[in-house]
Amino acid sequence: MQNIISIRDFSRRDLDTLIEEALAIKANGVQQSLSDKMLASLFFEDSTRTRISTETAAHNLGIYVNGFPSSEGTSVNKGEPLLDTVRMFEGWGYNTIFMRHDIEGAARFAADNLSIPVVNCGDGAGSHPTQTMLDLMTLKETLGSIDGLTIALVGDLMYGRTVHSLLQACELYDVNVWLVAPEMLAMPQWRINDYKKKTRRDVTVTPDLMEAIRNVNVLYITRIQKERFPKTPEGEIEYERVSSIYNLEAGMLTEADDFMIVLHPLPRYKYNMEIAIDVDKTKHACYIDPQAVNGVPMRTAIEIRVLGKGFEGRKKKKKKEESLWRDLEITHGTKKGKSLLYRVNNGTLIDHVERGRGYPVFQTLGLDGGVDYIIAGVKSERYGKKEVVGIKDIELTEKQLSKLALISFRAKVNIIKGGRVVKKGKVMLPYVLDAFLECQTRLCVSRAKNFEFAPSKFYVERRGNPLIVRCHYCETPLKRQEIRLL
């Protein structure tokens, strides 16, 4: 694996090895040259530490660097789509792209369409894996071990991409996690659920910063991400309500453990400092040195790996592909009853649909208005009430069958010819769903309104009920009731 897109892709061994390599570079300096390589530094969003440390690391390795520090002055401001930009750099012979973008999943989309490695330097409110890598390096260097720590993530946990990646990394270590945020900036519940599922550990959620200061080893403060709030009067009001809630001052640290450290991915917001200047002189302050300083040795180690042997990647359980259709026994060959619905001579009869879902099922199939169909609610010995959808002279395609399985968990399909059921079965969702689900993340690269033309792609993580599918790009999971079809 050569790309760095998400911490979810990495094994603990990958991260531990990278930390040791970065610490060795910091101690001994750069011991090799990559002067035959070219790195494209493409920052569609502003950056100081990430961009400059990336480029400094490259210069120290002898790598040629070119690109842009923002979209100003580029064809992006003329409306150029992402893929056109990154493909140019690949075509010009660059060996890797380090990119930051305001759209979630942009780096994944670029990596899918290039043959050179892509490194995600921050994608909107999504993730920031290289920041997490240097954060882990800082924990190891300062506290001796990551295992056994209690880490509080503080501030903007909704829009702050650094804490999203750091929480994912905590899944791989024996740590306790505290989440300290106002309700409107709380860590997205799905991210907490992911952490709990992977670790079988709970998190401590509290709005009380002082309680965290008294109990943790690491206080990871984040800036309130004003630029991520909705650009509306309501968004401005929301920002003003939360902007000063967790401002840390030196006097507050008198109740902290002597060895507790304060980290911050930076920048601080000078008009409303979330960490006051007086904290800088305390023994707890580690956000400039070593944290920010570690950007250069860590990104040096990253560039060596990305342009060299890469990473092993996190081992994922391989799912056995199954047939889309699972045959069921035909108990009797006819469908007769008082309802005309059961007298479909030729076509498809969808049985056992959940009550109230009959018409949504029909709509989902995308059949035109000229199709002869009937929907009825009937009694069911097993479910009490059910709905049945009869569609005359139509046999469903594979895509329609997949859509049916997304909408109805219980549905069973009968193929009728000459008044007899010739085939009966249940639809089994494929594990990869291409091009017919809409991601619900507003700024996902796959959303049509963002005009990046990334085809929708979801993975089925859990079949059955509750159904869980996850976006390939921004990693957001959806349950059945949240699904919208394209």
Protein backbone atom coordinates (compact mmCIF):
# COMPACT_ATOMS: atom_id res chain seq x y z
CA MET A 1 0.00 0.00 0.00
CA GLN A 2 1.54 3.31 -1.10
CA ASN A 3 -1.29 5.80 -0.51
CA ILE A 4 -2.01 7.58 2.78
CA ILE A 5 -5.71 8.39 2.70
CA SER A 6 -7.17 7.36 6.06
CA ILE A 7 -5.89 5.97 9.36
CA ARG A 8 -8.52 3.22 8.86
CA ASP A 9 -6.22 1.78 6.19
CA PHE A 10 -3.23 1.28 8.52
CA SER A 11 -2.14 -1.47 10.89
CA ARG A 12 -0.64 -0.78 14.28
CA ARG A 13 2.65 -2.18 13.02
CA ASP A 14 2.61 0.37 10.18
CA LEU A 15 2.20 3.22 12.64
CA ASP A 16 4.70 1.93 15.21
CA THR A 17 7.33 1.37 12.51
CA LEU A 18 6.76 4.83 11.05
CA ILE A 19 7.11 6.41 14.51
CA GLU A 20 10.44 4.66 15.10
CA GLU A 21 11.70 5.71 11.66
CA ALA A 22 10.70 9.34 12.27
CA LEU A 23 12.34 9.37 15.71
CA ALA A 24 15.54 7.99 14.15
CA ILE A 25 15.50 10.72 11.49
CA LYS A 26 15.00 13.36 14.19
CA ALA A 27 17.93 11.99 16.19
CA ASN A 28 20.37 11.22 13.36
CA GLY A 29 19.30 13.37 10.43
CA VAL A 30 18.45 12.29 6.88
CA GLN A 31 20.59 9.36 5.77
CA GLN A 32 19.44 8.98 2.16
CA SER A 33 18.66 10.89 -1.00
CA LEU A 34 15.63 10.72 -3.28
CA SER A 35 16.95 13.26 -5.76
CA ASP A 36 15.45 11.37 -8.70
CA LYS A 37 11.90 11.94 -7.39
CA MET A 38 9.35 14.73 -7.87
CA LEU A 39 6.60 15.63 -5.40
CA ALA A 40 3.49 17.65 -6.26
CA SER A 41 2.34 19.76 -3.31
CA LEU A 42 -1.27 20.62 -4.16
CA PHE A 43 -3.01 22.62 -1.44
CA PHE A 44 -6.49 23.63 -2.52
CA GLU A 45 -6.94 24.92 1.06
CA ASP A 46 -4.58 27.12 3.09
CA SER A 47 -1.87 25.55 5.21
CA THR A 48 1.28 26.54 7.08
CA ARG A 49 2.63 23.59 9.07
CA THR A 50 1.45 20.70 6.89
CA ARG A 51 2.54 22.23 3.58
CA ILE A 52 5.83 23.72 4.70
CA SER A 53 6.90 20.65 6.69
CA THR A 54 6.00 18.44 3.70
CA GLU A 55 8.08 20.58 1.36
CA THR A 56 10.95 20.96 3.85
CA ALA A 57 11.08 17.19 4.30
CA ALA A 58 11.17 16.78 0.52
CA HIS A 59 13.98 19.31 0.11
CA ASN A 60 15.98 17.53 2.83
CA LEU A 61 15.65 14.33 0.78
CA GLY A 62 16.67 16.06 -2.45
CA ILE A 63 13.16 15.71 -3.94
CA TYR A 64 12.04 18.29 -6.50
CA VAL A 65 8.84 20.00 -5.31
CA ASN A 66 6.29 22.03 -7.24
CA GLY A 67 2.61 22.81 -6.87
CA PHE A 68 0.52 25.54 -5.29
CA PRO A 69 -0.21 26.81 -1.74
CA SER A 70 -3.86 27.61 -2.48
CA SER A 71 -6.27 27.52 -5.39
CA GLU A 72 -5.75 31.26 -5.99
CA GLY A 73 -3.96 31.83 -9.27
CA THR A 74 -4.72 28.34 -10.60
CA SER A 75 -7.26 26.99 -13.06
CA VAL A 76 -9.18 25.58 -10.11
CA ASN A 77 -10.61 29.08 -9.76
CA LYS A 78 -11.72 28.84 -13.38
CA GLY A 79 -13.78 25.78 -12.48
CA GLU A 80 -11.32 23.00 -13.33
CA PRO A 81 -12.39 19.67 -11.79
CA LEU A 82 -10.07 17.88 -9.37
CA LEU A 83 -9.18 14.98 -11.67
CA ASP A 84 -8.01 17.26 -14.46
CA THR A 85 -5.62 18.98 -12.05
CA VAL A 86 -4.08 15.86 -10.52
CA ARG A 87 -3.83 14.01 -13.84
CA MET A 88 -1.67 16.83 -15.21
CA PHE A 89 0.90 16.34 -12.46
CA GLU A 90 0.93 12.60 -13.05
CA GLY A 91 1.38 13.22 -16.77
CA TRP A 92 4.27 15.60 -16.13
CA GLY A 93 6.17 12.82 -14.38
CA TYR A 94 5.59 13.55 -10.71
CA ASN A 95 6.07 10.51 -8.48
CA THR A 96 3.57 11.40 -5.75
CA ILE A 97 0.92 13.95 -4.86
CA PHE A 98 0.47 15.41 -1.38
CA MET A 99 -2.86 17.22 -1.41
CA ARG A 100 -5.27 19.15 0.78
CA HIS A 101 -8.83 19.80 -0.32
CA ASP A 102 -12.01 21.24 1.15
CA ILE A 103 -14.16 18.31 -0.07
CA GLU A 104 -14.30 15.11 1.98
CA GLY A 105 -13.07 12.07 0.10
CA ALA A 106 -11.18 14.13 -2.49
CA ALA A 107 -7.87 12.36 -1.81
CA ARG A 108 -9.49 8.91 -2.07
CA PHE A 109 -11.10 9.89 -5.39
CA ALA A 110 -7.76 11.15 -6.72
CA ALA A 111 -5.98 7.97 -5.62
CA ASP A 112 -8.61 5.82 -7.34
CA ASN A 113 -7.81 7.49 -10.64
CA LEU A 114 -4.02 7.78 -10.54
CA SER A 115 -1.18 5.29 -10.74
CA ILE A 116 1.08 7.33 -8.42
CA PRO A 117 0.70 7.50 -4.61
CA VAL A 118 -1.57 10.14 -3.07
CA VAL A 119 -1.16 11.46 0.46
CA ASN A 120 -4.14 13.09 2.16
CA CYS A 121 -3.03 16.28 3.90
CA GLY A 122 -6.57 17.05 5.06
CA ASP A 123 -9.89 16.64 3.27
CA GLY A 124 -12.51 19.08 4.50
CA ALA A 125 -13.96 18.02 7.84
CA GLY A 126 -13.03 14.40 7.12
CA SER A 127 -9.57 13.31 8.20
CA HIS A 128 -5.91 14.31 8.48
CA PRO A 129 -3.83 11.12 8.74
CA THR A 130 -0.34 12.63 8.55
CA GLN A 131 -1.17 14.96 11.46
CA THR A 132 -2.20 11.94 13.50
CA MET A 133 1.07 10.20 12.63
CA LEU A 134 3.11 13.08 14.02
CA ASP A 135 0.77 13.29 17.04
CA LEU A 136 1.47 9.63 17.83
CA MET A 137 5.19 10.29 17.40
CA THR A 138 4.91 13.13 19.92
CA LEU A 139 3.11 10.92 22.45
CA LYS A 140 5.75 8.20 22.11
CA GLU A 141 8.63 10.67 22.37
CA THR A 142 7.23 12.67 25.29
CA LEU A 143 5.49 10.04 27.42
CA GLY A 144 7.44 6.91 26.48
CA SER A 145 4.44 4.85 25.39
CA ILE A 146 1.05 5.35 23.81
CA ASP A 147 -0.53 2.33 25.50
CA GLY A 148 -1.99 3.09 28.91
CA LEU A 149 -2.67 6.78 28.25
CA THR A 150 -5.90 8.65 28.88
CA ILE A 151 -6.40 11.13 26.06
CA ALA A 152 -8.96 13.94 26.01
CA LEU A 153 -10.03 15.34 22.63
CA VAL A 154 -11.31 18.86 23.31
CA GLY A 155 -13.22 21.48 21.35
CA ASP A 156 -14.56 21.12 17.83
CA LEU A 157 -15.03 17.38 17.49
CA MET A 158 -17.69 17.76 14.78
CA TYR A 159 -15.69 19.59 12.12
CA GLY A 160 -12.13 19.04 13.39
CA ARG A 161 -10.53 16.52 11.02
CA THR A 162 -7.43 15.99 13.19
CA VAL A 163 -9.46 14.52 16.06
CA HIS A 164 -11.36 12.26 13.64
CA SER A 165 -8.11 10.65 12.53
CA LEU A 166 -6.70 10.54 16.06
CA LEU A 167 -9.78 8.72 17.35
CA GLN A 168 -9.34 6.16 14.56
CA ALA A 169 -5.71 5.67 15.61
CA CYS A 170 -6.81 5.15 19.22
CA GLU A 171 -8.63 2.02 18.01
CA LEU A 172 -5.20 0.42 17.59
CA TYR A 173 -3.81 1.26 21.04
CA ASP A 174 -4.71 0.46 24.64
CA VAL A 175 -5.87 3.94 25.58
CA ASN A 176 -8.82 5.57 27.29
CA VAL A 177 -10.57 8.32 25.34
CA TRP A 178 -12.40 11.34 26.72
CA LEU A 179 -14.50 13.55 24.42
CA VAL A 180 -14.96 17.12 25.66
CA ALA A 181 -17.20 19.30 23.50
CA PRO A 182 -20.44 21.28 23.50
CA GLU A 183 -23.39 19.28 22.21
CA MET A 184 -23.49 21.03 18.85
CA LEU A 185 -19.81 20.22 18.22
CA ALA A 186 -19.86 16.67 19.59
CA MET A 187 -17.94 13.87 17.92
CA PRO A 188 -20.23 12.32 15.26
CA GLN A 189 -21.94 9.32 16.84
CA TRP A 190 -20.91 7.00 14.03
CA ARG A 191 -17.26 7.68 14.79
CA ILE A 192 -17.83 6.81 18.44
CA ASN A 193 -19.68 3.67 17.36
CA ASP A 194 -16.74 2.67 15.14
CA TYR A 195 -14.34 3.11 18.05
CA LYS A 196 -16.50 1.07 20.42
CA LYS A 197 -16.98 -1.71 17.88
CA LYS A 198 -13.25 -2.01 17.16
CA THR A 199 -12.06 -1.77 20.78
CA ARG A 200 -15.02 -2.97 22.85
CA ARG A 201 -14.24 0.00 25.10
CA ASP A 202 -16.47 2.90 25.99
CA VAL A 203 -15.57 6.58 25.80
CA THR A 204 -16.06 9.23 28.48
CA VAL A 205 -18.21 12.07 27.15
CA THR A 206 -18.34 15.26 29.21
CA PRO A 207 -18.74 19.02 28.61
CA ASP A 208 -16.54 19.71 31.68
CA LEU A 209 -13.00 20.72 30.69
CA MET A 210 -11.78 20.91 34.30
CA GLU A 211 -12.90 17.34 34.94
CA ALA A 212 -10.77 16.26 31.98
CA ILE A 213 -7.76 18.29 33.15
CA ARG A 214 -7.85 16.48 36.50
CA ASN A 215 -8.03 12.99 34.98
CA VAL A 216 -6.11 12.72 31.71
CA ASN A 217 -2.50 12.38 30.54
CA VAL A 218 -3.02 14.22 27.26
CA LEU A 219 -5.16 17.28 26.60
CA TYR A 220 -5.60 17.58 22.82
CA ILE A 221 -7.15 21.01 22.20
CA THR A 222 -8.63 21.94 18.82
CA ARG A 223 -9.60 25.23 17.25
CA ILE A 224 -13.29 25.84 16.60
CA GLN A 225 -13.42 25.44 12.81
CA LYS A 226 -15.21 28.65 11.86
CA GLU A 227 -14.68 28.00 8.15
CA ARG A 228 -16.67 24.73 8.38
CA PHE A 229 -19.80 26.30 9.88
CA PRO A 230 -22.70 26.95 7.48
CA LYS A 231 -22.24 30.25 5.64
CA THR A 232 -25.55 31.60 6.94
CA PRO A 233 -26.68 33.98 9.73
CA GLU A 234 -27.63 30.89 11.73
CA GLY A 235 -24.13 29.48 11.23
CA GLU A 236 -22.58 32.71 12.51
CA ILE A 237 -24.81 32.62 15.60
CA GLU A 238 -23.85 28.99 16.26
CA TYR A 239 -20.16 29.87 16.00
CA GLU A 240 -20.45 32.80 18.43
CA ARG A 241 -22.22 30.56 20.96
CA VAL A 242 -19.38 28.02 21.12
CA SER A 243 -16.25 29.98 20.19
CA SER A 244 -15.05 30.66 23.76
CA ILE A 245 -16.31 27.61 25.63
CA TYR A 246 -13.00 25.77 25.98
CA ASN A 247 -10.31 28.43 26.21
CA LEU A 248 -7.42 27.07 28.28
CA GLU A 249 -5.40 29.31 30.63
CA ALA A 250 -2.32 28.50 32.69
CA GLY A 251 -4.16 28.81 36.01
CA MET A 252 -6.46 25.95 35.04
CA LEU A 253 -3.50 23.57 34.83
CA THR A 254 -2.69 23.73 38.56
CA GLU A 255 -5.04 20.75 38.99
CA ALA A 256 -3.38 18.70 36.25
CA ASP A 257 -0.96 15.83 36.80
CA ASP A 258 2.68 16.97 36.67
CA PHE A 259 3.33 14.92 33.53
CA MET A 260 0.13 15.84 31.67
CA ILE A 261 0.86 17.36 28.25
CA VAL A 262 -1.15 19.81 26.16
CA LEU A 263 -1.23 19.31 22.40
CA HIS A 264 -2.85 21.32 19.60
CA PRO A 265 -2.60 20.69 15.83
CA LEU A 266 -2.47 24.49 15.30
CA PRO A 267 -3.13 27.17 14.21
CA ARG A 268 -4.50 28.95 17.25
CA TYR A 269 -7.06 31.65 16.53
CA LYS A 270 -5.48 34.89 17.74
CA TYR A 271 -8.76 36.77 18.14
CA ASN A 272 -10.06 34.20 20.62
CA MET A 273 -7.13 32.07 21.82
CA GLU A 274 -8.23 28.53 22.69
CA ILE A 275 -4.85 28.14 24.42
CA ALA A 276 -3.74 31.36 26.12
CA ILE A 277 -0.18 32.62 25.63
CA ASP A 278 0.55 32.07 29.34
CA VAL A 279 0.20 28.30 28.80
CA ASP A 280 3.23 28.39 26.46
CA LYS A 281 5.63 28.79 29.40
CA THR A 282 4.21 25.92 31.45
CA LYS A 283 5.79 22.47 31.63
CA HIS A 284 2.64 21.06 30.02
CA ALA A 285 2.95 22.91 26.68
CA CYS A 286 4.08 20.55 23.91
CA TYR A 287 2.17 21.92 20.90
CA ILE A 288 5.06 23.90 19.38
CA ASP A 289 7.99 21.75 20.44
CA PRO A 290 7.95 18.82 20.01
CA GLN A 291 4.52 18.46 18.33
CA ALA A 292 4.69 20.96 15.45
CA VAL A 293 8.46 20.50 15.15
CA ASN A 294 7.89 16.78 14.57
CA GLY A 295 6.15 17.58 11.30
CA VAL A 296 9.44 17.56 9.40
CA PRO A 297 10.94 14.25 10.64
CA MET A 298 7.58 12.48 10.45
CA ARG A 299 6.84 13.69 6.94
CA THR A 300 10.38 12.78 5.94
CA ALA A 301 9.68 9.22 7.09
CA ILE A 302 6.33 9.31 5.28
CA GLU A 303 7.91 10.41 1.99
CA ILE A 304 10.54 7.68 2.20
CA ARG A 305 7.82 5.08 2.74
CA VAL A 306 5.42 6.41 0.10
CA LEU A 307 8.18 6.58 -2.52
CA GLY A 308 9.68 3.28 -1.38
CA LYS A 309 8.31 0.08 0.10
CA GLY A 310 5.02 1.50 1.35
CA PHE A 311 2.92 -0.06 4.13
CA GLU A 312 1.40 -3.45 4.86
CA GLY A 313 -2.05 -1.97 5.53
CA ARG A 314 -4.67 -2.99 8.07
CA LYS A 315 -5.83 -6.55 7.58
CA LYS A 316 -9.50 -6.65 6.73
CA LYS A 317 -11.67 -9.71 6.82
CA LYS A 318 -12.27 -10.80 3.25
CA LYS A 319 -15.94 -11.30 2.56
CA LYS A 320 -16.92 -14.20 0.38
CA GLU A 321 -18.94 -13.01 -2.56
CA GLU A 322 -22.31 -14.65 -2.78
CA SER A 323 -24.92 -14.86 -5.46
CA LEU A 324 -27.29 -11.94 -5.65
CA TRP A 325 -30.17 -14.41 -5.51
CA ARG A 326 -30.84 -17.09 -2.90
CA ASP A 327 -33.39 -19.67 -4.03
CA LEU A 328 -36.31 -20.44 -1.73
CA GLU A 329 -38.54 -23.48 -1.84
CA ILE A 330 -41.72 -23.10 -3.86
CA THR A 331 -44.28 -24.57 -1.49
CA HIS A 332 -47.04 -24.42 -4.08
CA GLY A 333 -46.91 -23.34 -7.64
CA THR A 334 -49.84 -20.96 -7.73
CA LYS A 335 -50.72 -17.73 -6.03
CA LYS A 336 -54.47 -17.68 -5.62
CA GLY A 337 -56.64 -15.71 -3.28
CA LYS A 338 -59.46 -13.25 -2.98
CA SER A 339 -57.22 -10.35 -3.97
CA LEU A 340 -56.67 -9.71 -7.67
CA LEU A 341 -53.08 -9.09 -6.69
CA TYR A 342 -52.44 -12.83 -6.54
CA ARG A 343 -53.65 -13.32 -10.09
CA VAL A 344 -50.55 -12.00 -11.86
CA ASN A 345 -50.31 -14.42 -14.77
CA ASN A 346 -46.89 -13.23 -15.90
CA GLY A 347 -44.49 -10.92 -14.10
CA THR A 348 -43.09 -10.41 -10.62
CA LEU A 349 -44.76 -10.69 -7.24
CA ILE A 350 -42.84 -9.12 -4.34
CA ASP A 351 -44.15 -10.63 -1.11
CA HIS A 352 -43.58 -9.93 2.61
CA VAL A 353 -42.82 -6.23 2.15
CA GLU A 354 -42.91 -4.33 5.44
CA ARG A 355 -46.12 -2.44 6.11
CA GLY A 356 -46.05 1.02 4.55
CA ARG A 357 -43.15 0.19 2.22
CA GLY A 358 -45.07 -1.15 -0.77
CA TYR A 359 -45.25 2.09 -2.72
CA PRO A 360 -41.67 3.15 -1.83
CA VAL A 361 -40.54 -0.25 -3.13
CA PHE A 362 -42.33 0.32 -6.43
CA GLN A 363 -40.91 3.85 -6.73
CA THR A 364 -37.42 2.58 -5.99
CA LEU A 365 -37.54 0.14 -8.90
CA GLY A 366 -37.72 3.08 -11.31
CA LEU A 367 -40.49 1.64 -13.48
CA ASP A 368 -42.31 4.05 -15.75
CA GLY A 369 -45.94 5.05 -15.41
CA GLY A 370 -47.09 2.68 -18.14
CA VAL A 371 -46.34 -0.41 -16.05
CA ASP A 372 -49.37 -2.35 -14.83
CA TYR A 373 -48.99 -2.89 -11.09
CA ILE A 374 -50.98 -3.28 -7.91
CA ILE A 375 -50.04 -2.83 -4.24
CA ALA A 376 -52.08 -4.16 -1.35
CA GLY A 377 -51.82 -4.70 2.37
CA VAL A 378 -52.73 -8.20 3.48
CA LYS A 379 -52.64 -10.28 6.64
CA SER A 380 -49.59 -12.36 7.40
CA GLU A 381 -49.47 -15.28 9.82
CA ARG A 382 -45.83 -14.49 10.58
CA TYR A 383 -45.76 -10.68 10.55
CA GLY A 384 -49.37 -9.71 11.25
CA LYS A 385 -49.50 -7.19 8.40
CA LYS A 386 -47.51 -7.09 5.21
CA GLU A 387 -47.67 -5.51 1.79
CA VAL A 388 -47.42 -7.23 -1.57
CA VAL A 389 -46.40 -5.61 -4.86
CA GLY A 390 -47.50 -7.21 -8.12
CA ILE A 391 -45.89 -6.05 -11.36
CA LYS A 392 -47.30 -7.49 -14.56
CA ASP A 393 -45.13 -8.60 -17.47
CA ILE A 394 -41.88 -7.38 -15.85
CA GLU A 395 -38.90 -9.36 -14.54
CA LEU A 396 -36.54 -7.28 -12.41
CA THR A 397 -32.94 -6.54 -13.38
CA GLU A 398 -29.98 -7.16 -11.03
CA LYS A 399 -29.80 -3.45 -10.22
CA GLN A 400 -33.52 -3.34 -9.40
CA LEU A 401 -33.14 -6.41 -7.19
CA SER A 402 -30.28 -4.73 -5.30
CA LYS A 403 -32.39 -1.63 -4.78
CA LEU A 404 -35.23 -3.78 -3.49
CA ALA A 405 -32.93 -5.38 -0.89
CA LEU A 406 -31.86 -1.93 0.28
CA ILE A 407 -35.44 -0.80 0.88
CA SER A 408 -37.00 -3.98 2.27
CA PHE A 409 -35.28 -6.49 4.55
CA ARG A 410 -38.07 -9.08 4.42
CA ALA A 411 -39.06 -8.98 0.76
CA LYS A 412 -39.23 -12.22 -1.18
CA VAL A 413 -39.53 -12.30 -4.97
CA ASN A 414 -41.73 -14.64 -6.99
CA ILE A 415 -41.26 -14.94 -10.75
CA ILE A 416 -44.58 -15.92 -12.30
CA LYS A 417 -45.13 -17.40 -15.75
CA GLY A 418 -48.41 -18.73 -17.03
CA GLY A 419 -50.03 -18.22 -13.63
CA ARG A 420 -47.45 -20.35 -11.81
CA VAL A 421 -44.49 -19.47 -9.59
CA VAL A 422 -41.47 -20.74 -11.50
CA LYS A 423 -38.81 -19.15 -9.30
CA LYS A 424 -38.84 -17.87 -5.74
CA GLY A 425 -36.03 -16.27 -3.81
CA LYS A 426 -34.59 -13.63 -1.54
CA VAL A 427 -32.25 -10.95 -2.80
CA MET A 428 -28.78 -10.89 -1.21
CA LEU A 429 -27.04 -7.53 -1.44
CA PRO A 430 -23.63 -7.48 -3.10
CA TYR A 431 -20.87 -6.20 -0.81
CA VAL A 432 -20.07 -3.32 -3.17
CA LEU A 433 -22.82 -0.99 -4.33
CA ASP A 434 -21.84 1.17 -7.28
CA ALA A 435 -23.56 4.28 -8.57
CA PHE A 436 -27.02 4.19 -7.05
CA LEU A 437 -26.80 5.45 -3.44
CA GLU A 438 -26.40 9.10 -2.46
CA CYS A 439 -23.99 9.87 0.37
CA GLN A 440 -25.59 12.03 3.05
CA THR A 441 -22.40 13.94 3.87
CA ARG A 442 -23.03 17.41 2.45
CA LEU A 443 -19.47 17.94 1.23
CA CYS A 444 -18.63 14.41 0.11
CA VAL A 445 -16.80 14.30 -3.21
CA SER A 446 -19.49 11.96 -4.57
CA ARG A 447 -22.35 14.43 -4.12
CA ALA A 448 -23.48 15.72 -7.51
CA LYS A 449 -23.75 19.31 -6.30
CA ASN A 450 -19.99 19.37 -5.64
CA PHE A 451 -19.28 18.85 -9.38
CA GLU A 452 -16.31 16.51 -9.04
CA PHE A 453 -18.06 13.61 -10.84
CA ALA A 454 -17.02 10.91 -8.38
CA PRO A 455 -19.29 7.90 -8.88
CA SER A 456 -21.15 6.82 -5.77
CA LYS A 457 -19.63 3.76 -4.12
CA PHE A 458 -20.69 2.06 -0.89
CA TYR A 459 -19.61 -1.06 0.96
CA VAL A 460 -22.15 -3.26 2.71
CA GLU A 461 -20.78 -3.77 6.22
CA ARG A 462 -23.80 -5.50 7.64
CA ARG A 463 -26.53 -7.26 5.71
CA GLY A 464 -29.90 -7.95 7.20
CA ASN A 465 -31.46 -5.76 9.84
CA PRO A 466 -30.09 -3.29 10.73
CA LEU A 467 -28.42 -2.81 7.37
CA ILE A 468 -25.21 -0.75 7.44
CA VAL A 469 -23.47 0.57 4.33
CA ARG A 470 -20.41 2.86 4.27
CA CYS A 471 -19.31 5.49 1.75
CA HIS A 472 -16.05 4.62 -0.02
CA TYR A 473 -14.90 8.24 -0.01
CA CYS A 474 -15.84 9.96 3.26
CA GLU A 475 -16.34 6.74 5.31
CA THR A 476 -19.75 7.81 6.63
CA PRO A 477 -22.04 4.84 7.37
CA LEU A 478 -25.76 4.80 6.61
CA LYS A 479 -28.57 2.71 8.03
CA ARG A 480 -31.48 1.49 5.92
CA GLN A 481 -33.77 4.36 6.91
CA GLU A 482 -31.09 6.92 5.96
CA ILE A 483 -30.54 5.59 2.45
CA ARG A 484 -31.43 7.74 -0.54
CA LEU A 485 -31.22 6.25 -4.00
CA LEU A 486 -29.95 8.15 -7.01
